[in-house]
Amino acid sequence: ARREGEEMRDEVDILRSDSLRLAKAEATAESYKNRLEEATAQIRQVKLLEEQSAKYLAANIKLEAEVKDFAKLRAAGDALKRSKAEAERLRSAAEARLQAKVEELKELREDKEKARVKAKLLEDELALVKASREAK
């Protein structure tokens, strides 16, 4: 009976030891399980961040293209402003030339009218001279 009691104690000690190792193994397994869950959550978070980063990159590329387009439009606008200024300068110069020609035409018409009046006076004077010669 004594031997049986010692065997049972030895077996209890072995079972106790096995139970402690099992408890440690379960704790380790639980720890690994928690780490795995954390790693899985982090992987999901990284994927979300990668997707968000891809969206930001696409938006950035689109904005850069718009900036380039805006720069082209600004350059075109500046060219149009220069063209408009040149056209305005040319119009102003043409308008000044036209005004000078209008003044010149007015003076020529006045000179023509003076010459016509003078010619009429000379014709009338010539007619008087002819009439007075014939009367003599």
C-alpha atoms as a PDB file:
ATOM      1  CA  ALA A   1       0.000   0.000   0.000  1.00  0.00           C
ATOM      2  CA  ARG A   2       2.926   2.193   0.788  1.00  0.00           C
ATOM      3  CA  ARG A   3       4.377   1.592  -2.576  1.00  0.00           C
ATOM      4  CA  GLU A   4       1.049   2.258  -4.171  1.00  0.00           C
ATOM      5  CA  GLY A   5       0.807   5.562  -2.266  1.00  0.00           C
ATOM      6  CA  GLU A   6       4.322   6.567  -3.405  1.00  0.00           C
ATOM      7  CA  GLU A   7       3.491   5.637  -6.974  1.00  0.00           C
ATOM      8  CA  MET A   8       0.329   7.677  -6.746  1.00  0.00           C
ATOM      9  CA  ARG A   9       2.289  10.622  -5.292  1.00  0.00           C
ATOM     10  CA  ASP A  10       4.864  10.302  -8.047  1.00  0.00           C
ATOM     11  CA  GLU A  11       2.088  10.132 -10.583  1.00  0.00           C
ATOM     12  CA  VAL A  12       0.403  13.205  -8.987  1.00  0.00           C
ATOM     13  CA  ASP A  13       3.763  15.038  -9.084  1.00  0.00           C
ATOM     14  CA  ILE A  14       4.169  14.101 -12.735  1.00  0.00           C
ATOM     15  CA  LEU A  15       0.591  15.160 -13.461  1.00  0.00           C
ATOM     16  CA  ARG A  16       1.127  18.397 -11.538  1.00  0.00           C
ATOM     17  CA  SER A  17       4.265  19.054 -13.560  1.00  0.00           C
ATOM     18  CA  ASP A  18       2.434  18.181 -16.757  1.00  0.00           C
ATOM     19  CA  SER A  19      -0.442  20.437 -15.671  1.00  0.00           C
ATOM     20  CA  LEU A  20       1.980  23.351 -15.083  1.00  0.00           C
ATOM     21  CA  ARG A  21       3.640  22.762 -18.474  1.00  0.00           C
ATOM     22  CA  LEU A  22       0.210  22.580 -20.085  1.00  0.00           C
ATOM     23  CA  ALA A  23      -0.833  25.822 -18.375  1.00  0.00           C
ATOM     24  CA  LYS A  24       2.383  27.488 -19.618  1.00  0.00           C
ATOM     25  CA  ALA A  25       1.811  26.071 -23.092  1.00  0.00           C
ATOM     26  CA  GLU A  26      -1.783  27.353 -23.063  1.00  0.00           C
ATOM     27  CA  ALA A  27      -0.604  30.776 -21.849  1.00  0.00           C
ATOM     28  CA  THR A  28       2.045  30.813 -24.586  1.00  0.00           C
ATOM     29  CA  ALA A  29      -0.543  29.735 -27.166  1.00  0.00           C
ATOM     30  CA  GLU A  30      -2.911  32.475 -25.949  1.00  0.00           C
ATOM     31  CA  SER A  31      -0.071  34.985 -26.164  1.00  0.00           C
ATOM     32  CA  TYR A  32       0.719  33.860 -29.734  1.00  0.00           C
ATOM     33  CA  LYS A  33      -2.979  34.000 -30.572  1.00  0.00           C
ATOM     34  CA  ASN A  34      -3.173  37.595 -29.264  1.00  0.00           C
ATOM     35  CA  ARG A  35      -0.033  38.549 -31.208  1.00  0.00           C
ATOM     36  CA  LEU A  36      -1.468  36.945 -34.333  1.00  0.00           C
ATOM     37  CA  GLU A  37      -4.725  38.910 -33.906  1.00  0.00           C
ATOM     38  CA  GLU A  38      -2.722  42.125 -33.409  1.00  0.00           C
ATOM     39  CA  ALA A  39      -0.594  41.334 -36.471  1.00  0.00           C
ATOM     40  CA  THR A  40      -3.743  40.632 -38.517  1.00  0.00           C
ATOM     41  CA  ALA A  41      -5.246  43.945 -37.375  1.00  0.00           C
ATOM     42  CA  GLN A  42      -2.006  45.741 -38.267  1.00  0.00           C
ATOM     43  CA  ILE A  43      -1.942  44.062 -41.686  1.00  0.00           C
ATOM     44  CA  ARG A  44      -5.522  45.271 -42.290  1.00  0.00           C
ATOM     45  CA  GLN A  45      -4.497  48.752 -41.152  1.00  0.00           C
ATOM     46  CA  VAL A  46      -1.476  48.711 -43.486  1.00  0.00           C
ATOM     47  CA  LYS A  47      -3.714  47.647 -46.403  1.00  0.00           C
ATOM     48  CA  LEU A  48      -6.123  50.478 -45.616  1.00  0.00           C
ATOM     49  CA  LEU A  49      -3.230  52.929 -45.430  1.00  0.00           C
ATOM     50  CA  GLU A  50      -1.860  51.618 -48.743  1.00  0.00           C
ATOM     51  CA  GLU A  51      -5.279  52.102 -50.370  1.00  0.00           C
ATOM     52  CA  GLN A  52      -5.547  55.595 -48.920  1.00  0.00           C
ATOM     53  CA  SER A  53      -2.003  56.351 -50.076  1.00  0.00           C
ATOM     54  CA  ALA A  54      -2.877  55.158 -53.585  1.00  0.00           C
ATOM     55  CA  LYS A  55      -5.920  57.466 -53.594  1.00  0.00           C
ATOM     56  CA  TYR A  56      -3.798  60.395 -52.434  1.00  0.00           C
ATOM     57  CA  LEU A  57      -1.193  59.610 -55.085  1.00  0.00           C
ATOM     58  CA  ALA A  58      -3.869  59.517 -57.798  1.00  0.00           C
ATOM     59  CA  ALA A  59      -5.323  62.816 -56.543  1.00  0.00           C
ATOM     60  CA  ASN A  60      -1.840  64.335 -56.444  1.00  0.00           C
ATOM     61  CA  ILE A  61      -1.116  63.209 -60.003  1.00  0.00           C
ATOM     62  CA  LYS A  62      -4.437  64.693 -61.125  1.00  0.00           C
ATOM     63  CA  LEU A  63      -3.667  67.988 -59.358  1.00  0.00           C
ATOM     64  CA  GLU A  64      -0.206  68.119 -60.922  1.00  0.00           C
ATOM     65  CA  ALA A  65      -1.785  67.641 -64.357  1.00  0.00           C
ATOM     66  CA  GLU A  66      -4.253  70.434 -63.583  1.00  0.00           C
ATOM     67  CA  VAL A  67      -1.393  72.689 -62.470  1.00  0.00           C
ATOM     68  CA  LYS A  68       0.386  71.997 -65.774  1.00  0.00           C
ATOM     69  CA  ASP A  69      -2.842  72.740 -67.656  1.00  0.00           C
ATOM     70  CA  PHE A  70      -3.284  75.914 -65.612  1.00  0.00           C
ATOM     71  CA  ALA A  71       0.269  76.966 -66.444  1.00  0.00           C
ATOM     72  CA  LYS A  72      -0.471  76.422 -70.142  1.00  0.00           C
ATOM     73  CA  LEU A  73      -3.714  78.368 -69.836  1.00  0.00           C
ATOM     74  CA  ARG A  74      -1.943  81.163 -68.005  1.00  0.00           C
ATOM     75  CA  ALA A  75       0.713  81.319 -70.723  1.00  0.00           C
ATOM     76  CA  ALA A  76      -2.021  81.379 -73.374  1.00  0.00           C
ATOM     77  CA  GLY A  77      -3.830  84.113 -71.430  1.00  0.00           C
ATOM     78  CA  ASP A  78      -0.643  86.142 -71.190  1.00  0.00           C
ATOM     79  CA  ALA A  79      -0.075  85.715 -74.928  1.00  0.00           C
ATOM     80  CA  LEU A  80      -3.637  86.885 -75.580  1.00  0.00           C
ATOM     81  CA  LYS A  81      -3.085  89.917 -73.357  1.00  0.00           C
ATOM     82  CA  ARG A  82       0.065  90.783 -75.302  1.00  0.00           C
ATOM     83  CA  SER A  83      -1.785  90.275 -78.596  1.00  0.00           C
ATOM     84  CA  LYS A  84      -4.627  92.466 -77.384  1.00  0.00           C
ATOM     85  CA  ALA A  85      -2.197  95.175 -76.295  1.00  0.00           C
ATOM     86  CA  GLU A  86      -0.463  95.026 -79.688  1.00  0.00           C
ATOM     87  CA  ALA A  87      -3.807  95.134 -81.502  1.00  0.00           C
ATOM     88  CA  GLU A  88      -4.856  98.115 -79.374  1.00  0.00           C
ATOM     89  CA  ARG A  89      -1.580  99.872 -80.158  1.00  0.00           C
ATOM     90  CA  LEU A  90      -2.050  99.216 -83.879  1.00  0.00           C
ATOM     91  CA  ARG A  91      -5.688 100.369 -83.722  1.00  0.00           C
ATOM     92  CA  SER A  92      -4.662 103.526 -81.933  1.00  0.00           C
ATOM     93  CA  ALA A  93      -1.943 104.235 -84.507  1.00  0.00           C
ATOM     94  CA  ALA A  94      -4.391 103.567 -87.376  1.00  0.00           C
ATOM     95  CA  GLU A  95      -6.957 105.819 -85.733  1.00  0.00           C
ATOM     96  CA  ALA A  96      -4.378 108.611 -85.442  1.00  0.00           C
ATOM     97  CA  ARG A  97      -3.444 108.188 -89.145  1.00  0.00           C
ATOM     98  CA  LEU A  98      -7.128 108.219 -90.085  1.00  0.00           C
ATOM     99  CA  GLN A  99      -7.713 111.406 -88.113  1.00  0.00           C
ATOM    100  CA  ALA A 100      -4.720 113.027 -89.844  1.00  0.00           C
ATOM    101  CA  LYS A 101      -6.133 111.993 -93.235  1.00  0.00           C
ATOM    102  CA  VAL A 102      -9.574 113.351 -92.291  1.00  0.00           C
ATOM    103  CA  GLU A 103      -7.985 116.688 -91.369  1.00  0.00           C
ATOM    104  CA  GLU A 104      -5.958 116.675 -94.590  1.00  0.00           C
ATOM    105  CA  LEU A 105      -9.118 115.940 -96.622  1.00  0.00           C
ATOM    106  CA  LYS A 106     -10.967 118.743 -94.839  1.00  0.00           C
ATOM    107  CA  GLU A 107      -8.146 121.177 -95.667  1.00  0.00           C
ATOM    108  CA  LEU A 108      -8.103 120.021 -99.299  1.00  0.00           C
ATOM    109  CA  ARG A 109     -11.893 120.527 -99.561  1.00  0.00           C
ATOM    110  CA  GLU A 110     -11.508 124.007 -98.082  1.00  0.00           C
ATOM    111  CA  ASP A 111      -8.668 124.760-100.540  1.00  0.00           C
ATOM    112  CA  LYS A 112     -10.836 123.409-103.396  1.00  0.00           C
ATOM    113  CA  GLU A 113     -13.724 125.637-102.333  1.00  0.00           C
ATOM    114  CA  LYS A 114     -11.395 128.679-102.111  1.00  0.00           C
ATOM    115  CA  ALA A 115      -9.984 127.838-105.570  1.00  0.00           C
ATOM    116  CA  ARG A 116     -13.508 127.478-106.989  1.00  0.00           C
ATOM    117  CA  VAL A 117     -14.548 130.836-105.503  1.00  0.00           C
ATOM    118  CA  LYS A 118     -11.353 132.445-106.799  1.00  0.00           C
ATOM    119  CA  ALA A 119     -11.874 130.864-110.224  1.00  0.00           C
ATOM    120  CA  LYS A 120     -15.455 132.218-110.250  1.00  0.00           C
ATOM    121  CA  LEU A 121     -14.189 135.677-109.325  1.00  0.00           C
ATOM    122  CA  LEU A 122     -11.554 135.535-112.068  1.00  0.00           C
ATOM    123  CA  GLU A 123     -14.152 134.344-114.601  1.00  0.00           C
ATOM    124  CA  ASP A 124     -16.456 137.176-113.587  1.00  0.00           C
ATOM    125  CA  GLU A 125     -13.575 139.662-113.821  1.00  0.00           C
ATOM    126  CA  LEU A 126     -12.581 138.267-117.230  1.00  0.00           C
ATOM    127  CA  ALA A 127     -16.156 138.614-118.422  1.00  0.00           C
ATOM    128  CA  LEU A 128     -16.184 142.254-117.235  1.00  0.00           C
ATOM    129  CA  VAL A 129     -12.885 142.971-118.979  1.00  0.00           C
ATOM    130  CA  LYS A 130     -14.194 141.381-122.206  1.00  0.00           C
ATOM    131  CA  ALA A 131     -17.445 143.317-121.931  1.00  0.00           C
ATOM    132  CA  SER A 132     -15.647 146.605-121.329  1.00  0.00           C
ATOM    133  CA  ARG A 133     -13.318 146.008-124.347  1.00  0.00           C
ATOM    134  CA  GLU A 134     -16.216 145.273-126.560  1.00  0.00           C
ATOM    135  CA  ALA A 135     -17.996 148.371-125.408  1.00  0.00           C
ATOM    136  CA  LYS A 136     -15.041 150.526-126.470  1.00  0.00           C
END
